[in-house]
Amino acid sequence: MHQKNIHTAGKSLDQAEKVLIMVHGRGADAPDILGLASHFNVSEYALLAPEATNNTWYPYSFMANPEENEPWLSSAIDLLKEVVEEATKQGITAENIYFLGFSQGACLTLEFVTRHAKKFGGIVALTGGLIGDKINRENYSGNFNQTPIFIGTGNPDPHVPIERVKESVGILEKMNAKVYLEVYEGRPHTISHHEIEAANRVIFL
């Protein structure tokens, strides 16, 4: 089970009007994902970055049977819920809560927000898709109310098949999200300047 270990940067929660929750990838840590913040237009945000115990949110591929990734997957989703609750206790509304995740963190981010869909400020998923060997639509509820979601991915990607990304986009759109998908042909498993520019253009206005 994940221990609660939330790193912070940017403005303090009691002074900020907006919050960005940043979710790192497999093998990385909270300072690693926080280091990306300087590339985004978030200087006025409070930054919250939970850190996975042993630097991994769940042990197997995001496309494994979800039971194989338990109890870590459920624990990770619960931890993100705690982070959101910490922000709301400080008076931050959901419409001013933003998310950004990379790779395993992008998958976890999309899974969390789709299970708790509402009008968020915006979501950035850098190479990710909804979790499971098959997508279980019964896990998802709510209405994004035109929340902007940017998803960037390479094709082919060694960890995240483009088919799963597109299937995830379809579900998000049916739940009333405004999805911006950018597919970068032949790009390796990394974050590109094009993605950063796109995220700033459509999410971090």
N, C-alpha and C. Protein backbone atom coordinates (compact mmCIF):
# COMPACT_ATOMS: atom_id res chain seq x y z
N MET A 1 0.85 -1.19 0.00
CA MET A 1 0.00 0.00 0.00
C MET A 1 0.88 1.24 0.00
N HIS A 2 0.41 2.27 -0.68
CA HIS A 2 1.21 3.49 -0.79
C HIS A 2 1.12 4.32 0.49
N GLN A 3 2.29 4.76 0.95
CA GLN A 3 2.32 5.70 2.07
C GLN A 3 2.05 7.09 1.54
N LYS A 4 1.41 7.91 2.36
CA LYS A 4 1.10 9.27 1.95
C LYS A 4 2.36 10.11 2.02
N ASN A 5 2.86 10.49 0.86
CA ASN A 5 4.09 11.28 0.77
C ASN A 5 3.90 12.28 -0.37
N ILE A 6 3.44 13.48 -0.02
CA ILE A 6 3.09 14.48 -1.01
C ILE A 6 4.12 15.60 -0.99
N HIS A 7 4.79 15.80 -2.11
CA HIS A 7 5.75 16.90 -2.24
C HIS A 7 5.02 18.12 -2.79
N THR A 8 5.47 19.28 -2.40
CA THR A 8 4.81 20.51 -2.82
C THR A 8 5.81 21.49 -3.43
N ALA A 9 5.30 22.38 -4.25
CA ALA A 9 6.11 23.45 -4.84
C ALA A 9 5.14 24.54 -5.27
N GLY A 10 5.67 25.62 -5.82
CA GLY A 10 4.83 26.71 -6.25
C GLY A 10 4.23 27.46 -5.08
N LYS A 11 3.04 27.99 -5.27
CA LYS A 11 2.37 28.73 -4.21
C LYS A 11 1.83 27.77 -3.15
N SER A 12 1.67 28.27 -1.95
CA SER A 12 1.08 27.45 -0.91
C SER A 12 -0.42 27.32 -1.16
N LEU A 13 -1.00 26.24 -0.65
CA LEU A 13 -2.42 25.98 -0.88
C LEU A 13 -3.30 27.11 -0.38
N ASP A 14 -2.92 27.74 0.71
CA ASP A 14 -3.77 28.78 1.28
C ASP A 14 -3.62 30.12 0.54
N GLN A 15 -2.68 30.19 -0.39
CA GLN A 15 -2.50 31.43 -1.16
C GLN A 15 -2.85 31.27 -2.64
N ALA A 16 -2.92 30.05 -3.10
CA ALA A 16 -3.16 29.81 -4.53
C ALA A 16 -4.65 29.73 -4.84
N GLU A 17 -4.99 30.11 -6.06
CA GLU A 17 -6.35 29.97 -6.54
C GLU A 17 -6.52 28.71 -7.38
N LYS A 18 -5.39 28.18 -7.87
CA LYS A 18 -5.43 26.98 -8.69
C LYS A 18 -4.40 25.97 -8.18
N VAL A 19 -4.70 24.70 -8.38
CA VAL A 19 -3.83 23.61 -7.93
C VAL A 19 -3.54 22.69 -9.12
N LEU A 20 -2.30 22.29 -9.25
CA LEU A 20 -1.91 21.28 -10.24
C LEU A 20 -1.38 20.07 -9.50
N ILE A 21 -2.03 18.93 -9.72
CA ILE A 21 -1.60 17.65 -9.14
C ILE A 21 -0.77 16.94 -10.20
N MET A 22 0.49 16.65 -9.87
CA MET A 22 1.43 16.09 -10.84
C MET A 22 1.77 14.66 -10.44
N VAL A 23 1.64 13.73 -11.38
CA VAL A 23 1.77 12.30 -11.08
C VAL A 23 2.91 11.71 -11.91
N HIS A 24 3.95 11.26 -11.23
CA HIS A 24 5.16 10.78 -11.91
C HIS A 24 4.97 9.39 -12.51
N GLY A 25 5.91 9.01 -13.35
CA GLY A 25 5.87 7.71 -14.01
C GLY A 25 6.60 6.63 -13.23
N ARG A 26 6.59 5.43 -13.77
CA ARG A 26 7.25 4.28 -13.14
C ARG A 26 8.76 4.53 -13.03
N GLY A 27 9.30 4.29 -11.85
CA GLY A 27 10.72 4.44 -11.63
C GLY A 27 11.17 5.86 -11.35
N ALA A 28 10.26 6.81 -11.44
CA ALA A 28 10.58 8.21 -11.16
C ALA A 28 10.10 8.56 -9.75
N ASP A 29 10.13 9.85 -9.42
CA ASP A 29 9.67 10.27 -8.10
C ASP A 29 9.02 11.65 -8.20
N ALA A 30 8.54 12.14 -7.07
CA ALA A 30 7.83 13.42 -7.06
C ALA A 30 8.72 14.58 -7.50
N PRO A 31 9.96 14.71 -6.99
CA PRO A 31 10.80 15.82 -7.48
C PRO A 31 11.03 15.78 -8.98
N ASP A 32 11.05 14.58 -9.55
CA ASP A 32 11.25 14.44 -10.99
C ASP A 32 10.11 15.10 -11.77
N ILE A 33 8.87 14.79 -11.39
CA ILE A 33 7.72 15.36 -12.11
C ILE A 33 7.57 16.84 -11.78
N LEU A 34 7.89 17.24 -10.56
CA LEU A 34 7.81 18.65 -10.21
C LEU A 34 8.79 19.48 -11.04
N GLY A 35 9.89 18.86 -11.44
CA GLY A 35 10.87 19.55 -12.26
C GLY A 35 10.34 19.98 -13.61
N LEU A 36 9.24 19.34 -14.06
CA LEU A 36 8.63 19.72 -15.34
C LEU A 36 7.84 21.01 -15.25
N ALA A 37 7.47 21.40 -14.03
CA ALA A 37 6.56 22.52 -13.87
C ALA A 37 7.07 23.81 -14.49
N SER A 38 8.38 23.97 -14.52
CA SER A 38 8.95 25.21 -15.06
C SER A 38 8.67 25.37 -16.56
N HIS A 39 8.28 24.27 -17.22
CA HIS A 39 7.99 24.34 -18.65
C HIS A 39 6.53 24.70 -18.95
N PHE A 40 5.71 24.74 -17.91
CA PHE A 40 4.29 25.01 -18.09
C PHE A 40 3.91 26.35 -17.46
N ASN A 41 2.79 26.90 -17.89
CA ASN A 41 2.34 28.19 -17.40
C ASN A 41 1.60 28.04 -16.08
N VAL A 42 2.34 27.61 -15.06
CA VAL A 42 1.70 27.31 -13.77
C VAL A 42 2.40 28.02 -12.61
N SER A 43 3.00 29.17 -12.87
CA SER A 43 3.74 29.87 -11.82
C SER A 43 2.85 30.34 -10.67
N GLU A 44 1.55 30.48 -10.94
CA GLU A 44 0.63 30.95 -9.90
C GLU A 44 -0.12 29.80 -9.23
N TYR A 45 0.22 28.57 -9.58
CA TYR A 45 -0.47 27.39 -9.04
C TYR A 45 0.24 26.86 -7.80
N ALA A 46 -0.53 26.22 -6.93
CA ALA A 46 0.07 25.34 -5.93
C ALA A 46 0.31 24.00 -6.60
N LEU A 47 1.48 23.43 -6.44
CA LEU A 47 1.84 22.17 -7.07
C LEU A 47 1.90 21.07 -6.03
N LEU A 48 1.17 20.00 -6.25
CA LEU A 48 1.13 18.85 -5.35
C LEU A 48 1.53 17.61 -6.11
N ALA A 49 2.55 16.91 -5.63
CA ALA A 49 3.03 15.72 -6.32
C ALA A 49 3.14 14.55 -5.34
N PRO A 50 2.15 13.66 -5.34
CA PRO A 50 2.27 12.45 -4.51
C PRO A 50 3.38 11.56 -5.05
N GLU A 51 4.02 10.83 -4.16
CA GLU A 51 5.11 9.94 -4.57
C GLU A 51 4.73 8.49 -4.29
N ALA A 52 4.90 7.64 -5.29
CA ALA A 52 4.57 6.23 -5.14
C ALA A 52 5.59 5.53 -4.24
N THR A 53 5.11 4.68 -3.36
CA THR A 53 6.01 3.84 -2.58
C THR A 53 6.80 2.95 -3.53
N ASN A 54 8.10 2.91 -3.36
CA ASN A 54 9.00 2.15 -4.25
C ASN A 54 8.97 2.65 -5.69
N ASN A 55 8.49 3.89 -5.86
CA ASN A 55 8.55 4.58 -7.16
C ASN A 55 7.72 3.92 -8.26
N THR A 56 6.75 3.12 -7.88
CA THR A 56 5.89 2.46 -8.86
C THR A 56 4.46 2.46 -8.35
N TRP A 57 3.53 2.94 -9.17
CA TRP A 57 2.14 3.02 -8.72
C TRP A 57 1.47 1.65 -8.68
N TYR A 58 1.83 0.80 -9.63
CA TYR A 58 1.31 -0.57 -9.64
C TYR A 58 2.35 -1.41 -10.38
N PRO A 59 2.46 -2.72 -10.06
CA PRO A 59 3.62 -3.49 -10.50
C PRO A 59 3.66 -3.89 -11.96
N TYR A 60 2.50 -4.12 -12.59
CA TYR A 60 2.49 -4.66 -13.95
C TYR A 60 2.01 -3.60 -14.94
N SER A 61 1.95 -3.99 -16.19
CA SER A 61 1.48 -3.09 -17.23
C SER A 61 0.09 -2.55 -16.92
N PHE A 62 -0.21 -1.35 -17.41
CA PHE A 62 -1.54 -0.80 -17.20
C PHE A 62 -2.59 -1.59 -17.97
N MET A 63 -2.15 -2.45 -18.90
CA MET A 63 -3.08 -3.28 -19.66
C MET A 63 -3.17 -4.71 -19.14
N ALA A 64 -2.60 -4.94 -17.96
CA ALA A 64 -2.76 -6.24 -17.30
C ALA A 64 -4.16 -6.31 -16.69
N ASN A 65 -4.58 -7.52 -16.33
CA ASN A 65 -5.82 -7.67 -15.57
C ASN A 65 -5.69 -6.83 -14.30
N PRO A 66 -6.63 -5.93 -14.01
CA PRO A 66 -6.51 -5.05 -12.85
C PRO A 66 -6.25 -5.78 -11.54
N GLU A 67 -6.77 -7.01 -11.41
CA GLU A 67 -6.57 -7.76 -10.17
C GLU A 67 -5.09 -8.04 -9.93
N GLU A 68 -4.31 -8.16 -11.01
CA GLU A 68 -2.88 -8.41 -10.86
C GLU A 68 -2.15 -7.19 -10.30
N ASN A 69 -2.72 -6.03 -10.46
CA ASN A 69 -2.09 -4.80 -9.97
C ASN A 69 -2.61 -4.36 -8.60
N GLU A 70 -3.46 -5.19 -8.01
CA GLU A 70 -3.96 -4.88 -6.67
C GLU A 70 -3.04 -5.46 -5.60
N PRO A 71 -3.01 -4.84 -4.38
CA PRO A 71 -3.83 -3.70 -3.94
C PRO A 71 -3.25 -2.34 -4.32
N TRP A 72 -2.17 -2.35 -5.10
CA TRP A 72 -1.46 -1.11 -5.36
C TRP A 72 -2.27 -0.13 -6.18
N LEU A 73 -3.02 -0.62 -7.17
CA LEU A 73 -3.80 0.27 -8.01
C LEU A 73 -4.86 1.01 -7.21
N SER A 74 -5.63 0.27 -6.43
CA SER A 74 -6.66 0.91 -5.61
C SER A 74 -6.06 1.88 -4.60
N SER A 75 -4.91 1.51 -4.04
CA SER A 75 -4.24 2.38 -3.09
C SER A 75 -3.80 3.68 -3.76
N ALA A 76 -3.30 3.58 -5.00
CA ALA A 76 -2.87 4.77 -5.73
C ALA A 76 -4.05 5.69 -6.04
N ILE A 77 -5.17 5.10 -6.44
CA ILE A 77 -6.37 5.90 -6.72
C ILE A 77 -6.86 6.58 -5.44
N ASP A 78 -6.83 5.85 -4.33
CA ASP A 78 -7.23 6.44 -3.05
C ASP A 78 -6.31 7.59 -2.66
N LEU A 79 -5.03 7.46 -2.96
CA LEU A 79 -4.08 8.52 -2.61
C LEU A 79 -4.38 9.79 -3.42
N LEU A 80 -4.68 9.64 -4.70
CA LEU A 80 -5.04 10.81 -5.49
C LEU A 80 -6.31 11.46 -4.95
N LYS A 81 -7.23 10.65 -4.50
CA LYS A 81 -8.46 11.20 -3.90
C LYS A 81 -8.12 12.02 -2.66
N GLU A 82 -7.17 11.54 -1.85
CA GLU A 82 -6.75 12.29 -0.67
C GLU A 82 -6.12 13.63 -1.05
N VAL A 83 -5.33 13.63 -2.12
CA VAL A 83 -4.69 14.87 -2.56
C VAL A 83 -5.75 15.88 -2.98
N VAL A 84 -6.74 15.42 -3.73
CA VAL A 84 -7.83 16.29 -4.15
C VAL A 84 -8.57 16.84 -2.93
N GLU A 85 -8.82 15.98 -1.96
CA GLU A 85 -9.53 16.41 -0.76
C GLU A 85 -8.74 17.45 0.02
N GLU A 86 -7.42 17.33 0.03
CA GLU A 86 -6.60 18.33 0.71
C GLU A 86 -6.77 19.70 0.05
N ALA A 87 -6.87 19.71 -1.26
CA ALA A 87 -7.06 20.97 -1.98
C ALA A 87 -8.44 21.55 -1.70
N THR A 88 -9.46 20.71 -1.73
CA THR A 88 -10.81 21.21 -1.53
C THR A 88 -11.02 21.71 -0.10
N LYS A 89 -10.32 21.11 0.85
CA LYS A 89 -10.42 21.59 2.24
C LYS A 89 -9.89 23.01 2.37
N GLN A 90 -9.01 23.38 1.46
CA GLN A 90 -8.47 24.75 1.47
C GLN A 90 -9.32 25.70 0.63
N GLY A 91 -10.47 25.23 0.20
CA GLY A 91 -11.38 26.09 -0.53
C GLY A 91 -11.18 26.10 -2.03
N ILE A 92 -10.32 25.23 -2.55
CA ILE A 92 -10.11 25.15 -3.99
C ILE A 92 -11.24 24.33 -4.61
N THR A 93 -11.95 24.92 -5.55
CA THR A 93 -13.04 24.19 -6.19
C THR A 93 -12.50 23.24 -7.26
N ALA A 94 -13.31 22.25 -7.63
CA ALA A 94 -12.88 21.28 -8.64
C ALA A 94 -12.51 21.98 -9.95
N GLU A 95 -13.19 23.06 -10.28
CA GLU A 95 -12.91 23.76 -11.53
C GLU A 95 -11.55 24.43 -11.54
N ASN A 96 -10.92 24.51 -10.38
CA ASN A 96 -9.57 25.08 -10.28
C ASN A 96 -8.53 24.04 -9.92
N ILE A 97 -8.89 22.75 -10.07
CA ILE A 97 -7.94 21.66 -9.84
C ILE A 97 -7.55 21.07 -11.19
N TYR A 98 -6.26 21.01 -11.43
CA TYR A 98 -5.70 20.51 -12.69
C TYR A 98 -4.85 19.26 -12.40
N PHE A 99 -4.67 18.43 -13.42
CA PHE A 99 -3.88 17.21 -13.28
C PHE A 99 -2.88 17.12 -14.44
N LEU A 100 -1.71 16.56 -14.13
CA LEU A 100 -0.73 16.26 -15.17
C LEU A 100 0.00 14.99 -14.78
N GLY A 101 0.05 14.03 -15.71
CA GLY A 101 0.77 12.79 -15.45
C GLY A 101 1.54 12.34 -16.67
N PHE A 102 2.62 11.62 -16.44
CA PHE A 102 3.42 11.06 -17.53
C PHE A 102 3.48 9.54 -17.41
N SER A 103 3.23 8.85 -18.52
CA SER A 103 3.39 7.40 -18.63
C SER A 103 2.51 6.69 -17.59
N GLN A 104 3.09 5.93 -16.68
CA GLN A 104 2.27 5.26 -15.67
C GLN A 104 1.45 6.28 -14.89
N GLY A 105 2.03 7.44 -14.66
CA GLY A 105 1.30 8.52 -13.99
C GLY A 105 0.17 9.08 -14.82
N ALA A 106 0.33 9.08 -16.15
CA ALA A 106 -0.75 9.53 -17.03
C ALA A 106 -1.90 8.53 -17.02
N CYS A 107 -1.57 7.24 -17.02
CA CYS A 107 -2.60 6.20 -16.94
C CYS A 107 -3.38 6.32 -15.64
N LEU A 108 -2.65 6.48 -14.53
CA LEU A 108 -3.30 6.61 -13.23
C LEU A 108 -4.17 7.87 -13.18
N THR A 109 -3.66 8.95 -13.72
CA THR A 109 -4.42 10.20 -13.75
C THR A 109 -5.73 10.04 -14.50
N LEU A 110 -5.66 9.48 -15.72
CA LEU A 110 -6.87 9.29 -16.51
C LEU A 110 -7.85 8.36 -15.81
N GLU A 111 -7.34 7.30 -15.19
CA GLU A 111 -8.21 6.36 -14.48
C GLU A 111 -8.93 7.07 -13.33
N PHE A 112 -8.18 7.86 -12.57
CA PHE A 112 -8.77 8.55 -11.43
C PHE A 112 -9.85 9.54 -11.86
N VAL A 113 -9.52 10.41 -12.79
CA VAL A 113 -10.49 11.46 -13.15
C VAL A 113 -11.72 10.87 -13.83
N THR A 114 -11.57 9.77 -14.55
CA THR A 114 -12.71 9.18 -15.23
C THR A 114 -13.61 8.43 -14.25
N ARG A 115 -13.04 7.96 -13.16
CA ARG A 115 -13.87 7.36 -12.11
C ARG A 115 -14.58 8.43 -11.28
N HIS A 116 -14.10 9.67 -11.35
CA HIS A 116 -14.67 10.76 -10.54
C HIS A 116 -14.93 11.96 -11.44
N ALA A 117 -15.53 11.74 -12.58
CA ALA A 117 -15.67 12.80 -13.58
C ALA A 117 -16.53 13.95 -13.07
N LYS A 118 -16.02 15.15 -13.27
CA LYS A 118 -16.73 16.39 -12.98
C LYS A 118 -16.01 17.49 -13.73
N LYS A 119 -16.45 18.71 -13.55
CA LYS A 119 -15.81 19.83 -14.21
C LYS A 119 -14.51 20.19 -13.49
N PHE A 120 -13.40 19.67 -14.00
CA PHE A 120 -12.08 20.03 -13.47
C PHE A 120 -11.52 21.19 -14.29
N GLY A 121 -10.41 21.76 -13.81
CA GLY A 121 -9.78 22.84 -14.55
C GLY A 121 -9.21 22.38 -15.86
N GLY A 122 -8.52 21.24 -15.84
CA GLY A 122 -7.92 20.69 -17.04
C GLY A 122 -7.05 19.51 -16.69
N ILE A 123 -6.80 18.66 -17.67
CA ILE A 123 -6.05 17.41 -17.46
C ILE A 123 -5.06 17.24 -18.60
N VAL A 124 -3.83 16.91 -18.24
CA VAL A 124 -2.78 16.64 -19.22
C VAL A 124 -2.27 15.22 -19.00
N ALA A 125 -2.44 14.37 -20.00
CA ALA A 125 -1.96 12.99 -19.92
C ALA A 125 -0.91 12.80 -21.01
N LEU A 126 0.34 12.71 -20.58
CA LEU A 126 1.45 12.57 -21.51
C LEU A 126 1.79 11.09 -21.64
N THR A 127 1.28 10.47 -22.68
CA THR A 127 1.44 9.04 -22.97
C THR A 127 0.72 8.19 -21.93
N GLY A 128 -0.58 8.01 -22.12
CA GLY A 128 -1.35 7.19 -21.18
C GLY A 128 -2.72 6.84 -21.73
N GLY A 129 -3.37 5.89 -21.05
CA GLY A 129 -4.72 5.48 -21.40
C GLY A 129 -5.41 4.90 -20.18
N LEU A 130 -6.68 4.61 -20.31
CA LEU A 130 -7.42 4.01 -19.20
C LEU A 130 -6.90 2.61 -18.92
N ILE A 131 -7.03 2.18 -17.66
CA ILE A 131 -6.33 1.00 -17.16
C ILE A 131 -7.19 -0.26 -17.26
N GLY A 132 -6.52 -1.38 -17.61
CA GLY A 132 -7.16 -2.69 -17.59
C GLY A 132 -6.88 -3.48 -18.86
N ASP A 133 -6.95 -4.83 -18.76
CA ASP A 133 -6.79 -5.64 -19.95
C ASP A 133 -7.92 -5.35 -20.93
N LYS A 134 -9.08 -5.05 -20.38
CA LYS A 134 -10.21 -4.51 -21.14
C LYS A 134 -10.74 -3.32 -20.34
N ILE A 135 -11.23 -2.33 -21.03
CA ILE A 135 -11.78 -1.17 -20.33
C ILE A 135 -13.14 -1.53 -19.76
N ASN A 136 -13.30 -1.37 -18.45
CA ASN A 136 -14.56 -1.68 -17.78
C ASN A 136 -15.32 -0.38 -17.57
N ARG A 137 -16.28 -0.13 -18.44
CA ARG A 137 -17.01 1.14 -18.41
C ARG A 137 -17.83 1.31 -17.13
N GLU A 138 -18.11 0.22 -16.44
CA GLU A 138 -18.87 0.31 -15.20
C GLU A 138 -18.09 1.04 -14.11
N ASN A 139 -16.75 1.14 -14.29
CA ASN A 139 -15.93 1.84 -13.29
C ASN A 139 -16.09 3.35 -13.37
N TYR A 140 -16.67 3.84 -14.46
CA TYR A 140 -16.62 5.27 -14.72
C TYR A 140 -18.00 5.91 -14.59
N SER A 141 -18.01 7.07 -13.97
CA SER A 141 -19.28 7.77 -13.79
C SER A 141 -19.03 9.26 -13.68
N GLY A 142 -20.10 10.03 -13.89
CA GLY A 142 -19.99 11.47 -13.78
C GLY A 142 -20.02 12.14 -15.14
N ASN A 143 -19.79 13.44 -15.13
CA ASN A 143 -19.85 14.26 -16.34
C ASN A 143 -18.72 15.28 -16.28
N PHE A 144 -17.85 15.27 -17.29
CA PHE A 144 -16.72 16.20 -17.29
C PHE A 144 -17.14 17.64 -17.59
N ASN A 145 -18.35 17.82 -18.09
CA ASN A 145 -18.85 19.17 -18.36
C ASN A 145 -17.85 20.02 -19.14
N GLN A 146 -17.33 19.42 -20.21
CA GLN A 146 -16.41 20.11 -21.12
C GLN A 146 -15.04 20.43 -20.51
N THR A 147 -14.63 19.66 -19.52
CA THR A 147 -13.26 19.76 -19.02
C THR A 147 -12.29 19.55 -20.18
N PRO A 148 -11.33 20.44 -20.39
CA PRO A 148 -10.34 20.21 -21.44
C PRO A 148 -9.32 19.15 -21.02
N ILE A 149 -9.10 18.18 -21.88
CA ILE A 149 -8.13 17.12 -21.61
C ILE A 149 -7.18 17.03 -22.80
N PHE A 150 -5.89 17.21 -22.53
CA PHE A 150 -4.89 17.05 -23.58
C PHE A 150 -4.18 15.71 -23.40
N ILE A 151 -4.14 14.93 -24.46
CA ILE A 151 -3.43 13.65 -24.45
C ILE A 151 -2.42 13.66 -25.59
N GLY A 152 -1.16 13.47 -25.26
CA GLY A 152 -0.12 13.36 -26.26
C GLY A 152 0.51 11.98 -26.19
N THR A 153 0.80 11.39 -27.35
CA THR A 153 1.39 10.05 -27.35
C THR A 153 2.19 9.82 -28.62
N GLY A 154 3.18 8.98 -28.52
CA GLY A 154 3.93 8.57 -29.69
C GLY A 154 3.28 7.37 -30.34
N ASN A 155 3.60 7.13 -31.60
CA ASN A 155 3.08 5.96 -32.30
C ASN A 155 4.15 5.42 -33.25
N PRO A 156 4.60 4.17 -33.01
CA PRO A 156 4.18 3.31 -31.91
C PRO A 156 4.87 3.67 -30.60
N ASP A 157 4.24 3.33 -29.49
CA ASP A 157 4.86 3.50 -28.18
C ASP A 157 5.05 2.12 -27.56
N PRO A 158 6.21 1.84 -26.95
CA PRO A 158 6.48 0.50 -26.44
C PRO A 158 5.61 0.09 -25.26
N HIS A 159 4.97 1.05 -24.60
CA HIS A 159 4.19 0.74 -23.40
C HIS A 159 2.70 1.03 -23.55
N VAL A 160 2.37 1.98 -24.40
CA VAL A 160 0.97 2.43 -24.51
C VAL A 160 0.51 2.35 -25.96
N PRO A 161 -0.24 1.31 -26.33
CA PRO A 161 -0.69 1.16 -27.72
C PRO A 161 -1.64 2.29 -28.12
N ILE A 162 -1.51 2.75 -29.34
CA ILE A 162 -2.35 3.85 -29.82
C ILE A 162 -3.82 3.46 -29.81
N GLU A 163 -4.11 2.16 -29.99
CA GLU A 163 -5.51 1.72 -29.97
C GLU A 163 -6.15 1.99 -28.61
N ARG A 164 -5.41 1.77 -27.54
CA ARG A 164 -5.95 2.01 -26.21
C ARG A 164 -6.13 3.51 -25.96
N VAL A 165 -5.20 4.30 -26.45
CA VAL A 165 -5.34 5.75 -26.31
C VAL A 165 -6.62 6.22 -26.98
N LYS A 166 -6.85 5.77 -28.21
CA LYS A 166 -8.03 6.22 -28.94
C LYS A 166 -9.32 5.70 -28.31
N GLU A 167 -9.29 4.48 -27.78
CA GLU A 167 -10.46 3.95 -27.09
C GLU A 167 -10.76 4.78 -25.84
N SER A 168 -9.70 5.18 -25.14
CA SER A 168 -9.87 6.02 -23.95
C SER A 168 -10.46 7.38 -24.32
N VAL A 169 -9.97 7.95 -25.41
CA VAL A 169 -10.49 9.24 -25.87
C VAL A 169 -11.99 9.13 -26.13
N GLY A 170 -12.42 8.04 -26.75
CA GLY A 170 -13.83 7.85 -27.04
C GLY A 170 -14.69 7.86 -25.79
N ILE A 171 -14.20 7.21 -24.74
CA ILE A 171 -14.95 7.18 -23.48
C ILE A 171 -14.98 8.56 -22.85
N LEU A 172 -13.85 9.24 -22.84
CA LEU A 172 -13.80 10.58 -22.26
C LEU A 172 -14.76 11.53 -22.98
N GLU A 173 -14.81 11.43 -24.29
CA GLU A 173 -15.71 12.30 -25.05
C GLU A 173 -17.17 11.97 -24.78
N LYS A 174 -17.49 10.69 -24.62
CA LYS A 174 -18.87 10.31 -24.29
C LYS A 174 -19.27 10.84 -22.92
N MET A 175 -18.27 11.06 -22.05
CA MET A 175 -18.54 11.61 -20.72
C MET A 175 -18.40 13.13 -20.72
N ASN A 176 -18.47 13.72 -21.92
CA ASN A 176 -18.56 15.17 -22.10
C ASN A 176 -17.26 15.90 -21.79
N ALA A 177 -16.13 15.25 -22.06
CA ALA A 177 -14.84 15.94 -21.97
C ALA A 177 -14.51 16.54 -23.33
N LYS A 178 -13.76 17.62 -23.32
CA LYS A 178 -13.28 18.25 -24.55
C LYS A 178 -11.84 17.80 -24.74
N VAL A 179 -11.64 16.76 -25.55
CA VAL A 179 -10.34 16.09 -25.65
C VAL A 179 -9.54 16.62 -26.83
N TYR A 180 -8.28 16.91 -26.55
CA TYR A 180 -7.32 17.29 -27.58
C TYR A 180 -6.27 16.18 -27.65
N LEU A 181 -6.27 15.42 -28.73
CA LEU A 181 -5.32 14.31 -28.89
C LEU A 181 -4.27 14.68 -29.92
N GLU A 182 -3.01 14.51 -29.55
CA GLU A 182 -1.92 14.72 -30.49
C GLU A 182 -1.09 13.42 -30.56
N VAL A 183 -0.96 12.87 -31.76
CA VAL A 183 -0.20 11.65 -31.98
C VAL A 183 1.07 12.02 -32.74
N TYR A 184 2.21 11.63 -32.18
CA TYR A 184 3.50 11.97 -32.78
C TYR A 184 4.12 10.70 -33.37
N GLU A 185 4.12 10.61 -34.66
CA GLU A 185 4.60 9.39 -35.33
C GLU A 185 6.10 9.21 -35.11
N GLY A 186 6.46 8.00 -34.67
CA GLY A 186 7.87 7.65 -34.50
C GLY A 186 8.56 8.26 -33.30
N ARG A 187 7.81 8.93 -32.45
CA ARG A 187 8.43 9.55 -31.28
C ARG A 187 8.68 8.53 -30.19
N PRO A 188 9.85 8.54 -29.54
CA PRO A 188 10.12 7.59 -28.45
C PRO A 188 9.29 7.91 -27.20
N HIS A 189 9.45 7.07 -26.19
CA HIS A 189 8.67 7.20 -24.95
C HIS A 189 9.26 8.32 -24.11
N THR A 190 8.83 9.53 -24.41
CA THR A 190 9.39 10.70 -23.73
C THR A 190 8.38 11.83 -23.81
N ILE A 191 8.76 13.01 -23.32
CA ILE A 191 7.92 14.20 -23.40
C ILE A 191 8.57 15.16 -24.39
N SER A 192 7.80 15.63 -25.35
CA SER A 192 8.35 16.49 -26.40
C SER A 192 7.99 17.95 -26.15
N HIS A 193 8.74 18.84 -26.77
CA HIS A 193 8.44 20.27 -26.70
C HIS A 193 7.08 20.56 -27.32
N HIS A 194 6.71 19.80 -28.33
CA HIS A 194 5.41 20.00 -28.97
C HIS A 194 4.28 19.75 -27.98
N GLU A 195 4.43 18.71 -27.15
CA GLU A 195 3.40 18.42 -26.15
C GLU A 195 3.32 19.54 -25.12
N ILE A 196 4.45 20.01 -24.68
CA ILE A 196 4.47 21.10 -23.70
C ILE A 196 3.78 22.33 -24.27
N GLU A 197 4.09 22.67 -25.50
CA GLU A 197 3.46 23.83 -26.14
C GLU A 197 1.96 23.63 -26.28
N ALA A 198 1.56 22.42 -26.65
CA ALA A 198 0.13 22.14 -26.83
C ALA A 198 -0.60 22.21 -25.49
N ALA A 199 0.00 21.65 -24.46
CA ALA A 199 -0.64 21.68 -23.13
C ALA A 199 -0.79 23.12 -22.64
N ASN A 200 0.22 23.94 -22.87
CA ASN A 200 0.11 25.34 -22.48
C ASN A 200 -0.96 26.07 -23.27
N ARG A 201 -1.13 25.67 -24.51
CA ARG A 201 -2.08 26.34 -25.39
C ARG A 201 -3.53 26.00 -25.05
N VAL A 202 -3.79 24.75 -24.66
CA VAL A 202 -5.20 24.35 -24.48
C VAL A 202 -5.59 24.10 -23.02
N ILE A 203 -4.61 23.95 -22.12
CA ILE A 203 -4.92 23.67 -20.71
C ILE A 203 -4.51 24.82 -19.81
N PHE A 204 -3.24 25.17 -19.85
CA PHE A 204 -2.71 26.19 -18.94
C PHE A 204 -2.72 27.55 -19.64
N LEU A 205 -3.90 28.08 -19.82
CA LEU A 205 -4.07 29.31 -20.59
C LEU A 205 -3.52 30.52 -19.86
